[in-house]
Amino acid sequence: MTNYRGIFVSAGHAPWDPGAVSQGETEHAITTKASMYLLGELERKFQWSVTAVPTGHLNSKTAFVNEVIRNLDHDPTQYLAVEVHCNSFETSQPNGYETLYHKLSTRGERAAKMIQEHLEVSIRGEDPDIYKFPLGLRSIQPRDNLAWLTQLPCTALILELGFMSNPEDLRVLLDDRQLHNMMLILANALTVSL
């Protein structure tokens, strides 16, 4: 377990860059709501130093995180930054949640693996204290071409909540109760993992 001082939470995309669109719903609208649920769960239940990253262009988001860490004069490795997204594909078959991390980040890979393990326990229903995660799981994915993962000095993850192009995933993402439960499970997974 790593002793992090705090976590940054960012909603993917922006009103002027809505991301994926399916059945009139935008990725940004879903990730904004999901990020607020995640922030609330982290603040309420786990008493972390939690910071919402303001909506903006990606460069302004990463600059914000870098400036906060610099102003606190702390070791950047003591922070985690997560950005919430949704996937989409040309066909409706792909589905499920996945965590992305920078391929050269051992801390990111370790965090992604531990989140995955926590979600697997949730899906199997082995722990009665954990809500059942409502979506399938894809494998964790190393990436080196995504700015959120490459432009931050701290451990960075992208939480891909599901596929908007998949009708079942989209139904879950648009259900406030299920989305809130997903964020509670992910808040638990982040805390247990880190």
N, C-alpha and C. Protein backbone atom coordinates (compact mmCIF):
# COMPACT_ATOMS: atom_id res chain seq x y z
N MET A 1 0.85 -1.19 0.00
CA MET A 1 0.00 0.00 0.00
C MET A 1 0.89 1.24 0.00
N THR A 2 0.51 2.23 -0.80
CA THR A 2 1.26 3.47 -0.92
C THR A 2 0.55 4.55 -0.13
N ASN A 3 1.32 5.42 0.52
CA ASN A 3 0.71 6.50 1.28
C ASN A 3 0.58 7.74 0.41
N TYR A 4 -0.56 7.89 -0.21
CA TYR A 4 -0.84 9.06 -1.03
C TYR A 4 -1.37 10.18 -0.14
N ARG A 5 -1.00 11.41 -0.49
CA ARG A 5 -1.52 12.58 0.22
C ARG A 5 -2.86 13.03 -0.33
N GLY A 6 -3.10 12.75 -1.60
CA GLY A 6 -4.34 13.22 -2.17
C GLY A 6 -4.59 12.67 -3.55
N ILE A 7 -5.79 12.96 -4.03
CA ILE A 7 -6.23 12.47 -5.33
C ILE A 7 -6.90 13.59 -6.09
N PHE A 8 -6.65 13.64 -7.38
CA PHE A 8 -7.31 14.58 -8.28
C PHE A 8 -8.31 13.79 -9.12
N VAL A 9 -9.50 14.35 -9.31
CA VAL A 9 -10.52 13.70 -10.11
C VAL A 9 -10.95 14.65 -11.22
N SER A 10 -10.91 14.16 -12.44
CA SER A 10 -11.26 14.98 -13.60
C SER A 10 -12.33 14.27 -14.43
N ALA A 11 -13.30 15.03 -14.91
CA ALA A 11 -14.30 14.50 -15.85
C ALA A 11 -13.74 14.64 -17.26
N GLY A 12 -13.80 13.57 -18.02
CA GLY A 12 -13.29 13.61 -19.38
C GLY A 12 -14.12 14.52 -20.27
N HIS A 13 -13.43 15.21 -21.18
CA HIS A 13 -14.02 16.08 -22.18
C HIS A 13 -14.60 17.35 -21.56
N ALA A 14 -15.37 18.10 -22.35
CA ALA A 14 -15.88 19.41 -21.92
C ALA A 14 -17.13 19.73 -22.73
N PRO A 15 -17.88 20.76 -22.34
CA PRO A 15 -19.10 21.10 -23.10
C PRO A 15 -18.82 21.35 -24.58
N TRP A 16 -17.68 21.96 -24.90
CA TRP A 16 -17.35 22.25 -26.29
C TRP A 16 -16.65 21.07 -26.98
N ASP A 17 -16.33 20.04 -26.21
CA ASP A 17 -15.70 18.81 -26.73
C ASP A 17 -16.39 17.64 -26.03
N PRO A 18 -17.61 17.27 -26.47
CA PRO A 18 -18.43 16.34 -25.70
C PRO A 18 -17.96 14.90 -25.69
N GLY A 19 -16.98 14.55 -26.50
CA GLY A 19 -16.54 13.16 -26.56
C GLY A 19 -17.54 12.32 -27.32
N ALA A 20 -17.66 11.06 -26.93
CA ALA A 20 -18.58 10.14 -27.61
C ALA A 20 -20.02 10.62 -27.45
N VAL A 21 -20.84 10.35 -28.47
CA VAL A 21 -22.26 10.67 -28.43
C VAL A 21 -23.03 9.43 -28.85
N SER A 22 -24.03 9.06 -28.06
CA SER A 22 -24.86 7.91 -28.39
C SER A 22 -26.28 8.17 -27.93
N GLN A 23 -27.21 7.99 -28.82
CA GLN A 23 -28.63 8.19 -28.53
C GLN A 23 -28.90 9.55 -27.88
N GLY A 24 -28.18 10.56 -28.37
CA GLY A 24 -28.36 11.91 -27.87
C GLY A 24 -27.66 12.21 -26.56
N GLU A 25 -26.99 11.22 -25.99
CA GLU A 25 -26.26 11.40 -24.72
C GLU A 25 -24.78 11.64 -25.01
N THR A 26 -24.16 12.55 -24.24
CA THR A 26 -22.74 12.84 -24.46
C THR A 26 -21.88 12.21 -23.37
N GLU A 27 -20.68 11.87 -23.77
CA GLU A 27 -19.71 11.33 -22.81
C GLU A 27 -19.45 12.34 -21.70
N HIS A 28 -19.31 13.61 -22.07
CA HIS A 28 -19.01 14.62 -21.05
C HIS A 28 -20.11 14.70 -19.99
N ALA A 29 -21.37 14.62 -20.40
CA ALA A 29 -22.47 14.67 -19.43
C ALA A 29 -22.39 13.50 -18.46
N ILE A 30 -22.08 12.31 -18.97
CA ILE A 30 -21.98 11.13 -18.11
C ILE A 30 -20.77 11.23 -17.21
N THR A 31 -19.61 11.64 -17.76
CA THR A 31 -18.40 11.68 -16.93
C THR A 31 -18.46 12.79 -15.89
N THR A 32 -19.17 13.87 -16.19
CA THR A 32 -19.32 14.94 -15.20
C THR A 32 -20.10 14.42 -13.99
N LYS A 33 -21.21 13.75 -14.26
CA LYS A 33 -22.02 13.20 -13.17
C LYS A 33 -21.23 12.13 -12.40
N ALA A 34 -20.57 11.23 -13.14
CA ALA A 34 -19.80 10.16 -12.50
C ALA A 34 -18.67 10.73 -11.64
N SER A 35 -18.00 11.75 -12.14
CA SER A 35 -16.90 12.36 -11.38
C SER A 35 -17.40 13.01 -10.09
N MET A 36 -18.57 13.63 -10.15
CA MET A 36 -19.14 14.24 -8.94
C MET A 36 -19.48 13.15 -7.91
N TYR A 37 -20.03 12.04 -8.37
CA TYR A 37 -20.31 10.92 -7.46
C TYR A 37 -19.01 10.39 -6.85
N LEU A 38 -17.98 10.23 -7.70
CA LEU A 38 -16.70 9.71 -7.21
C LEU A 38 -16.08 10.67 -6.20
N LEU A 39 -16.08 11.95 -6.51
CA LEU A 39 -15.56 12.96 -5.57
C LEU A 39 -16.30 12.89 -4.24
N GLY A 40 -17.62 12.84 -4.31
CA GLY A 40 -18.41 12.79 -3.08
C GLY A 40 -18.10 11.58 -2.24
N GLU A 41 -17.98 10.42 -2.88
CA GLU A 41 -17.68 9.20 -2.13
C GLU A 41 -16.29 9.26 -1.51
N LEU A 42 -15.31 9.74 -2.25
CA LEU A 42 -13.96 9.83 -1.71
C LEU A 42 -13.90 10.81 -0.54
N GLU A 43 -14.56 11.96 -0.68
CA GLU A 43 -14.54 12.97 0.39
C GLU A 43 -15.32 12.50 1.62
N ARG A 44 -16.49 11.93 1.40
CA ARG A 44 -17.38 11.57 2.50
C ARG A 44 -16.86 10.37 3.29
N LYS A 45 -16.52 9.35 2.58
CA LYS A 45 -16.24 8.09 3.24
C LYS A 45 -14.78 7.91 3.64
N PHE A 46 -13.89 8.46 2.86
CA PHE A 46 -12.49 8.11 3.05
C PHE A 46 -11.60 9.25 3.52
N GLN A 47 -12.16 10.46 3.60
CA GLN A 47 -11.43 11.59 4.17
C GLN A 47 -10.09 11.85 3.48
N TRP A 48 -10.02 11.61 2.19
CA TRP A 48 -8.81 11.93 1.44
C TRP A 48 -8.77 13.42 1.15
N SER A 49 -7.58 13.90 0.83
CA SER A 49 -7.48 15.22 0.25
C SER A 49 -7.89 15.06 -1.21
N VAL A 50 -9.09 15.47 -1.54
CA VAL A 50 -9.65 15.25 -2.86
C VAL A 50 -9.82 16.59 -3.56
N THR A 51 -9.34 16.68 -4.79
CA THR A 51 -9.42 17.93 -5.54
C THR A 51 -10.10 17.67 -6.88
N ALA A 52 -11.14 18.44 -7.14
CA ALA A 52 -11.80 18.38 -8.46
C ALA A 52 -10.97 19.20 -9.44
N VAL A 53 -10.71 18.63 -10.58
CA VAL A 53 -9.98 19.35 -11.64
C VAL A 53 -11.01 20.13 -12.45
N PRO A 54 -10.82 21.46 -12.59
CA PRO A 54 -11.81 22.27 -13.32
C PRO A 54 -11.95 21.82 -14.77
N THR A 55 -13.16 21.95 -15.29
CA THR A 55 -13.40 21.66 -16.70
C THR A 55 -12.55 22.59 -17.55
N GLY A 56 -11.97 22.05 -18.58
CA GLY A 56 -11.15 22.85 -19.48
C GLY A 56 -10.50 21.98 -20.52
N HIS A 57 -9.66 22.61 -21.33
CA HIS A 57 -8.89 21.84 -22.29
C HIS A 57 -7.90 20.96 -21.53
N LEU A 58 -7.51 19.86 -22.13
CA LEU A 58 -6.63 18.91 -21.44
C LEU A 58 -5.36 19.57 -20.93
N ASN A 59 -4.76 20.44 -21.73
CA ASN A 59 -3.53 21.11 -21.28
C ASN A 59 -3.77 21.95 -20.04
N SER A 60 -4.93 22.60 -19.94
CA SER A 60 -5.20 23.40 -18.75
C SER A 60 -5.47 22.50 -17.54
N LYS A 61 -6.06 21.31 -17.78
CA LYS A 61 -6.28 20.37 -16.67
C LYS A 61 -4.95 19.86 -16.11
N THR A 62 -4.05 19.45 -17.00
CA THR A 62 -2.76 18.93 -16.52
C THR A 62 -1.94 20.05 -15.88
N ALA A 63 -2.03 21.27 -16.44
CA ALA A 63 -1.33 22.40 -15.83
C ALA A 63 -1.86 22.68 -14.43
N PHE A 64 -3.18 22.57 -14.23
CA PHE A 64 -3.79 22.77 -12.92
C PHE A 64 -3.23 21.77 -11.91
N VAL A 65 -3.22 20.48 -12.27
CA VAL A 65 -2.70 19.45 -11.36
C VAL A 65 -1.23 19.72 -11.04
N ASN A 66 -0.44 20.02 -12.05
CA ASN A 66 0.98 20.30 -11.82
C ASN A 66 1.18 21.49 -10.90
N GLU A 67 0.38 22.54 -11.09
CA GLU A 67 0.52 23.75 -10.26
C GLU A 67 0.13 23.47 -8.81
N VAL A 68 -0.95 22.74 -8.58
CA VAL A 68 -1.36 22.43 -7.21
C VAL A 68 -0.27 21.64 -6.50
N ILE A 69 0.26 20.63 -7.15
CA ILE A 69 1.32 19.82 -6.53
C ILE A 69 2.55 20.68 -6.25
N ARG A 70 2.92 21.54 -7.21
CA ARG A 70 4.09 22.41 -7.03
C ARG A 70 3.86 23.38 -5.86
N ASN A 71 2.66 23.97 -5.77
CA ASN A 71 2.37 24.92 -4.70
C ASN A 71 2.35 24.26 -3.32
N LEU A 72 1.98 22.98 -3.26
CA LEU A 72 1.98 22.27 -1.99
C LEU A 72 3.39 21.83 -1.59
N ASP A 73 4.31 21.92 -2.55
CA ASP A 73 5.70 21.57 -2.30
C ASP A 73 5.84 20.13 -1.77
N HIS A 74 5.06 19.24 -2.35
CA HIS A 74 5.13 17.83 -1.97
C HIS A 74 5.72 17.01 -3.11
N ASP A 75 6.17 15.84 -2.76
CA ASP A 75 6.64 14.89 -3.75
C ASP A 75 5.48 14.49 -4.65
N PRO A 76 5.59 14.66 -5.97
CA PRO A 76 4.47 14.33 -6.85
C PRO A 76 4.04 12.86 -6.78
N THR A 77 4.94 11.99 -6.37
CA THR A 77 4.57 10.57 -6.30
C THR A 77 3.58 10.31 -5.16
N GLN A 78 3.31 11.32 -4.34
CA GLN A 78 2.35 11.17 -3.26
C GLN A 78 0.91 11.51 -3.70
N TYR A 79 0.72 11.68 -5.01
CA TYR A 79 -0.59 12.04 -5.54
C TYR A 79 -1.02 11.08 -6.64
N LEU A 80 -2.31 10.94 -6.76
CA LEU A 80 -2.92 10.15 -7.82
C LEU A 80 -3.89 11.06 -8.56
N ALA A 81 -3.88 10.98 -9.89
CA ALA A 81 -4.81 11.75 -10.71
C ALA A 81 -5.60 10.78 -11.58
N VAL A 82 -6.92 10.82 -11.46
CA VAL A 82 -7.77 9.96 -12.28
C VAL A 82 -8.67 10.82 -13.16
N GLU A 83 -8.83 10.38 -14.39
CA GLU A 83 -9.78 11.04 -15.29
C GLU A 83 -10.81 10.00 -15.69
N VAL A 84 -12.07 10.40 -15.65
CA VAL A 84 -13.18 9.51 -15.93
C VAL A 84 -13.62 9.69 -17.39
N HIS A 85 -13.73 8.57 -18.11
CA HIS A 85 -14.15 8.58 -19.51
C HIS A 85 -15.14 7.46 -19.76
N CYS A 86 -15.70 7.47 -20.95
CA CYS A 86 -16.50 6.36 -21.47
C CYS A 86 -15.90 5.97 -22.82
N ASN A 87 -15.96 4.70 -23.14
CA ASN A 87 -15.51 4.21 -24.44
C ASN A 87 -16.63 4.30 -25.45
N SER A 88 -16.28 4.11 -26.71
CA SER A 88 -17.25 3.97 -27.78
C SER A 88 -16.56 3.23 -28.91
N PHE A 89 -17.35 2.56 -29.74
CA PHE A 89 -16.79 1.80 -30.85
C PHE A 89 -17.76 1.85 -32.01
N GLU A 90 -17.27 1.43 -33.19
CA GLU A 90 -18.11 1.46 -34.40
C GLU A 90 -19.28 0.48 -34.33
N THR A 91 -19.10 -0.62 -33.59
CA THR A 91 -20.17 -1.60 -33.45
C THR A 91 -20.61 -1.65 -32.00
N SER A 92 -21.70 -2.34 -31.73
CA SER A 92 -22.24 -2.36 -30.37
C SER A 92 -21.71 -3.52 -29.52
N GLN A 93 -20.87 -4.39 -30.09
CA GLN A 93 -20.42 -5.56 -29.33
C GLN A 93 -19.47 -5.24 -28.16
N PRO A 94 -18.42 -4.43 -28.34
CA PRO A 94 -17.51 -4.21 -27.21
C PRO A 94 -18.23 -3.64 -26.00
N ASN A 95 -17.85 -4.11 -24.83
CA ASN A 95 -18.49 -3.65 -23.61
C ASN A 95 -17.51 -3.75 -22.44
N GLY A 96 -17.88 -3.13 -21.32
CA GLY A 96 -17.15 -3.31 -20.08
C GLY A 96 -16.26 -2.14 -19.68
N TYR A 97 -15.84 -2.22 -18.43
CA TYR A 97 -14.99 -1.22 -17.77
C TYR A 97 -13.52 -1.59 -17.97
N GLU A 98 -12.65 -0.59 -18.07
CA GLU A 98 -11.21 -0.84 -18.08
C GLU A 98 -10.46 0.34 -17.48
N THR A 99 -9.29 0.04 -16.91
CA THR A 99 -8.41 1.06 -16.36
C THR A 99 -7.19 1.17 -17.26
N LEU A 100 -6.84 2.40 -17.63
CA LEU A 100 -5.65 2.67 -18.43
C LEU A 100 -4.59 3.31 -17.55
N TYR A 101 -3.32 2.96 -17.80
CA TYR A 101 -2.20 3.54 -17.07
C TYR A 101 -1.05 3.73 -18.04
N HIS A 102 -0.07 4.57 -17.66
CA HIS A 102 1.10 4.78 -18.52
C HIS A 102 1.96 3.53 -18.50
N LYS A 103 2.39 3.10 -19.67
CA LYS A 103 3.09 1.81 -19.77
C LYS A 103 4.42 1.79 -19.04
N LEU A 104 4.99 2.95 -18.70
CA LEU A 104 6.26 3.00 -17.97
C LEU A 104 6.07 3.26 -16.47
N SER A 105 4.83 3.34 -16.02
CA SER A 105 4.55 3.65 -14.62
C SER A 105 4.28 2.36 -13.83
N THR A 106 5.24 1.98 -13.02
CA THR A 106 5.03 0.78 -12.19
C THR A 106 3.96 1.04 -11.14
N ARG A 107 3.90 2.27 -10.62
CA ARG A 107 2.86 2.61 -9.64
C ARG A 107 1.48 2.60 -10.30
N GLY A 108 1.40 3.10 -11.53
CA GLY A 108 0.14 3.09 -12.25
C GLY A 108 -0.31 1.67 -12.56
N GLU A 109 0.63 0.83 -12.97
CA GLU A 109 0.28 -0.56 -13.27
C GLU A 109 -0.18 -1.28 -12.01
N ARG A 110 0.52 -1.05 -10.91
CA ARG A 110 0.14 -1.69 -9.64
C ARG A 110 -1.26 -1.23 -9.20
N ALA A 111 -1.52 0.06 -9.32
CA ALA A 111 -2.84 0.58 -8.95
C ALA A 111 -3.92 -0.01 -9.85
N ALA A 112 -3.67 -0.07 -11.16
CA ALA A 112 -4.65 -0.61 -12.09
C ALA A 112 -4.94 -2.08 -11.78
N LYS A 113 -3.91 -2.84 -11.47
CA LYS A 113 -4.10 -4.26 -11.15
C LYS A 113 -4.91 -4.43 -9.87
N MET A 114 -4.63 -3.62 -8.87
CA MET A 114 -5.36 -3.74 -7.61
C MET A 114 -6.82 -3.31 -7.76
N ILE A 115 -7.06 -2.28 -8.57
CA ILE A 115 -8.45 -1.88 -8.84
C ILE A 115 -9.17 -3.03 -9.55
N GLN A 116 -8.50 -3.63 -10.53
CA GLN A 116 -9.09 -4.74 -11.27
C GLN A 116 -9.46 -5.90 -10.33
N GLU A 117 -8.54 -6.23 -9.41
CA GLU A 117 -8.80 -7.31 -8.45
C GLU A 117 -10.01 -6.99 -7.58
N HIS A 118 -10.11 -5.76 -7.13
CA HIS A 118 -11.25 -5.35 -6.29
C HIS A 118 -12.55 -5.46 -7.08
N LEU A 119 -12.53 -5.04 -8.34
CA LEU A 119 -13.74 -5.10 -9.16
C LEU A 119 -14.12 -6.55 -9.46
N GLU A 120 -13.13 -7.42 -9.64
CA GLU A 120 -13.42 -8.84 -9.87
C GLU A 120 -14.13 -9.45 -8.67
N VAL A 121 -13.69 -9.11 -7.46
CA VAL A 121 -14.36 -9.59 -6.25
C VAL A 121 -15.80 -9.08 -6.22
N SER A 122 -15.99 -7.81 -6.61
CA SER A 122 -17.32 -7.22 -6.63
C SER A 122 -18.23 -7.94 -7.62
N ILE A 123 -17.72 -8.23 -8.79
CA ILE A 123 -18.52 -8.90 -9.82
C ILE A 123 -18.90 -10.31 -9.37
N ARG A 124 -17.97 -11.01 -8.75
CA ARG A 124 -18.25 -12.38 -8.30
C ARG A 124 -19.20 -12.40 -7.11
N GLY A 125 -19.37 -11.26 -6.42
CA GLY A 125 -20.28 -11.21 -5.28
C GLY A 125 -19.77 -11.96 -4.07
N GLU A 126 -18.43 -12.09 -3.93
CA GLU A 126 -17.86 -12.86 -2.83
C GLU A 126 -17.88 -12.11 -1.50
N ASP A 127 -17.97 -10.80 -1.55
CA ASP A 127 -17.95 -10.00 -0.33
C ASP A 127 -19.30 -9.31 -0.19
N PRO A 128 -20.09 -9.68 0.81
CA PRO A 128 -21.43 -9.09 0.96
C PRO A 128 -21.40 -7.60 1.28
N ASP A 129 -20.25 -7.07 1.69
CA ASP A 129 -20.15 -5.64 1.99
C ASP A 129 -19.86 -4.80 0.75
N ILE A 130 -19.63 -5.45 -0.39
CA ILE A 130 -19.31 -4.73 -1.62
C ILE A 130 -20.48 -4.86 -2.58
N TYR A 131 -20.96 -3.72 -3.10
CA TYR A 131 -21.99 -3.76 -4.14
C TYR A 131 -21.47 -4.56 -5.33
N LYS A 132 -22.38 -5.16 -6.06
CA LYS A 132 -22.01 -5.90 -7.26
C LYS A 132 -21.79 -4.91 -8.40
N PHE A 133 -20.60 -4.95 -9.00
CA PHE A 133 -20.28 -4.05 -10.10
C PHE A 133 -21.17 -4.40 -11.29
N PRO A 134 -21.87 -3.42 -11.88
CA PRO A 134 -22.90 -3.72 -12.87
C PRO A 134 -22.42 -3.98 -14.30
N LEU A 135 -21.13 -3.78 -14.55
CA LEU A 135 -20.61 -3.97 -15.91
C LEU A 135 -19.56 -5.07 -15.93
N GLY A 136 -19.32 -5.59 -17.12
CA GLY A 136 -18.23 -6.54 -17.29
C GLY A 136 -16.89 -5.84 -17.19
N LEU A 137 -15.82 -6.62 -17.07
CA LEU A 137 -14.47 -6.07 -16.98
C LEU A 137 -13.66 -6.43 -18.21
N ARG A 138 -12.94 -5.45 -18.71
CA ARG A 138 -11.93 -5.70 -19.73
C ARG A 138 -10.59 -5.72 -19.00
N SER A 139 -9.53 -6.08 -19.68
CA SER A 139 -8.22 -6.12 -19.02
C SER A 139 -7.69 -4.69 -18.85
N ILE A 140 -6.75 -4.52 -17.92
CA ILE A 140 -6.10 -3.22 -17.75
C ILE A 140 -5.25 -2.97 -19.00
N GLN A 141 -5.06 -1.70 -19.34
CA GLN A 141 -4.39 -1.36 -20.59
C GLN A 141 -3.26 -0.36 -20.38
N PRO A 142 -2.02 -0.73 -20.74
CA PRO A 142 -0.93 0.24 -20.72
C PRO A 142 -0.99 1.12 -21.97
N ARG A 143 -0.78 2.40 -21.81
CA ARG A 143 -0.78 3.33 -22.95
C ARG A 143 0.35 4.33 -22.78
N ASP A 144 0.85 4.81 -23.90
CA ASP A 144 1.88 5.85 -23.84
C ASP A 144 1.55 7.01 -24.76
N ASN A 145 0.32 7.08 -25.24
CA ASN A 145 -0.06 8.11 -26.21
C ASN A 145 -1.23 8.98 -25.74
N LEU A 146 -1.53 8.95 -24.46
CA LEU A 146 -2.64 9.75 -23.93
C LEU A 146 -2.09 10.82 -22.99
N ALA A 147 -2.43 12.07 -23.28
CA ALA A 147 -1.83 13.21 -22.56
C ALA A 147 -2.04 13.12 -21.05
N TRP A 148 -3.24 12.70 -20.60
CA TRP A 148 -3.48 12.62 -19.16
C TRP A 148 -2.46 11.71 -18.49
N LEU A 149 -2.04 10.68 -19.17
CA LEU A 149 -1.08 9.72 -18.60
C LEU A 149 0.36 10.17 -18.77
N THR A 150 0.64 11.01 -19.76
CA THR A 150 2.03 11.36 -20.05
C THR A 150 2.45 12.73 -19.54
N GLN A 151 1.51 13.62 -19.25
CA GLN A 151 1.86 15.00 -18.91
C GLN A 151 1.81 15.30 -17.41
N LEU A 152 1.59 14.30 -16.60
CA LEU A 152 1.50 14.53 -15.15
C LEU A 152 2.68 13.89 -14.44
N PRO A 153 3.21 14.55 -13.38
CA PRO A 153 4.34 13.97 -12.65
C PRO A 153 3.92 12.92 -11.62
N CYS A 154 2.62 12.81 -11.38
CA CYS A 154 2.11 11.88 -10.38
C CYS A 154 1.57 10.62 -11.07
N THR A 155 1.17 9.65 -10.28
CA THR A 155 0.53 8.47 -10.84
C THR A 155 -0.80 8.90 -11.47
N ALA A 156 -1.02 8.49 -12.71
CA ALA A 156 -2.22 8.89 -13.43
C ALA A 156 -2.93 7.66 -14.00
N LEU A 157 -4.25 7.67 -13.89
CA LEU A 157 -5.08 6.60 -14.42
C LEU A 157 -6.24 7.20 -15.20
N ILE A 158 -6.73 6.44 -16.18
CA ILE A 158 -7.97 6.78 -16.85
C ILE A 158 -8.95 5.66 -16.56
N LEU A 159 -10.10 6.02 -16.04
CA LEU A 159 -11.15 5.06 -15.71
C LEU A 159 -12.17 5.09 -16.84
N GLU A 160 -12.14 4.08 -17.71
CA GLU A 160 -13.08 3.98 -18.83
C GLU A 160 -14.31 3.21 -18.33
N LEU A 161 -15.39 3.92 -18.09
CA LEU A 161 -16.54 3.35 -17.38
C LEU A 161 -17.32 2.30 -18.15
N GLY A 162 -17.32 2.34 -19.44
CA GLY A 162 -18.08 1.40 -20.24
C GLY A 162 -18.19 1.94 -21.65
N PHE A 163 -18.87 1.21 -22.52
CA PHE A 163 -19.00 1.60 -23.92
C PHE A 163 -20.37 2.23 -24.17
N MET A 164 -20.37 3.49 -24.56
CA MET A 164 -21.62 4.15 -24.89
C MET A 164 -22.24 3.54 -26.14
N SER A 165 -21.45 2.88 -26.95
CA SER A 165 -21.95 2.24 -28.17
C SER A 165 -22.61 0.90 -27.89
N ASN A 166 -22.48 0.41 -26.65
CA ASN A 166 -23.12 -0.85 -26.27
C ASN A 166 -24.42 -0.52 -25.52
N PRO A 167 -25.57 -1.00 -26.00
CA PRO A 167 -26.85 -0.62 -25.37
C PRO A 167 -26.94 -0.95 -23.88
N GLU A 168 -26.42 -2.09 -23.46
CA GLU A 168 -26.50 -2.46 -22.03
C GLU A 168 -25.60 -1.56 -21.18
N ASP A 169 -24.36 -1.33 -21.64
CA ASP A 169 -23.46 -0.42 -20.92
C ASP A 169 -24.09 0.97 -20.82
N LEU A 170 -24.64 1.46 -21.93
CA LEU A 170 -25.23 2.80 -21.93
C LEU A 170 -26.42 2.86 -20.97
N ARG A 171 -27.23 1.80 -20.92
CA ARG A 171 -28.36 1.77 -19.99
C ARG A 171 -27.87 1.93 -18.55
N VAL A 172 -26.79 1.22 -18.20
CA VAL A 172 -26.22 1.32 -16.84
C VAL A 172 -25.67 2.72 -16.60
N LEU A 173 -24.94 3.26 -17.57
CA LEU A 173 -24.32 4.58 -17.41
C LEU A 173 -25.36 5.69 -17.24
N LEU A 174 -26.55 5.50 -17.80
CA LEU A 174 -27.60 6.52 -17.71
C LEU A 174 -28.51 6.34 -16.51
N ASP A 175 -28.34 5.25 -15.78
CA ASP A 175 -29.14 4.99 -14.58
C ASP A 175 -28.41 5.59 -13.38
N ASP A 176 -28.96 6.65 -12.81
CA ASP A 176 -28.27 7.37 -11.73
C ASP A 176 -27.88 6.46 -10.56
N ARG A 177 -28.78 5.59 -10.17
CA ARG A 177 -28.49 4.71 -9.04
C ARG A 177 -27.31 3.77 -9.36
N GLN A 178 -27.34 3.17 -10.54
CA GLN A 178 -26.25 2.27 -10.90
C GLN A 178 -24.93 3.01 -11.10
N LEU A 179 -25.00 4.21 -11.70
CA LEU A 179 -23.79 5.00 -11.88
C LEU A 179 -23.20 5.38 -10.52
N HIS A 180 -24.06 5.78 -9.58
CA HIS A 180 -23.59 6.14 -8.24
C HIS A 180 -22.95 4.92 -7.56
N ASN A 181 -23.59 3.75 -7.68
CA ASN A 181 -23.02 2.53 -7.09
C ASN A 181 -21.68 2.19 -7.73
N MET A 182 -21.56 2.39 -9.05
CA MET A 182 -20.27 2.15 -9.72
C MET A 182 -19.19 3.04 -9.12
N MET A 183 -19.53 4.30 -8.89
CA MET A 183 -18.53 5.24 -8.36
C MET A 183 -18.18 4.91 -6.91
N LEU A 184 -19.16 4.42 -6.14
CA LEU A 184 -18.86 3.96 -4.78
C LEU A 184 -17.90 2.78 -4.82
N ILE A 185 -18.15 1.83 -5.70
CA ILE A 185 -17.26 0.67 -5.83
C ILE A 185 -15.87 1.11 -6.28
N LEU A 186 -15.80 2.04 -7.24
CA LEU A 186 -14.50 2.52 -7.69
C LEU A 186 -13.79 3.33 -6.61
N ALA A 187 -14.54 4.10 -5.81
CA ALA A 187 -13.92 4.81 -4.68
C ALA A 187 -13.33 3.81 -3.69
N ASN A 188 -14.08 2.75 -3.40
CA ASN A 188 -13.55 1.68 -2.53
C ASN A 188 -12.29 1.07 -3.15
N ALA A 189 -12.36 0.77 -4.44
CA ALA A 189 -11.23 0.13 -5.11
C ALA A 189 -10.01 1.05 -5.09
N LEU A 190 -10.22 2.34 -5.33
CA LEU A 190 -9.08 3.28 -5.30
C LEU A 190 -8.47 3.34 -3.91
N THR A 191 -9.29 3.40 -2.89
CA THR A 191 -8.78 3.50 -1.52
C THR A 191 -8.07 2.23 -1.09
N VAL A 192 -8.68 1.09 -1.37
CA VAL A 192 -8.06 -0.19 -1.01
C VAL A 192 -6.75 -0.37 -1.78
N SER A 193 -6.76 0.04 -3.04
CA SER A 193 -5.61 -0.18 -3.91
C SER A 193 -4.44 0.73 -3.59
N LEU A 194 -4.72 1.91 -3.04
CA LEU A 194 -3.67 2.89 -2.90
C LEU A 194 -3.35 3.17 -1.45
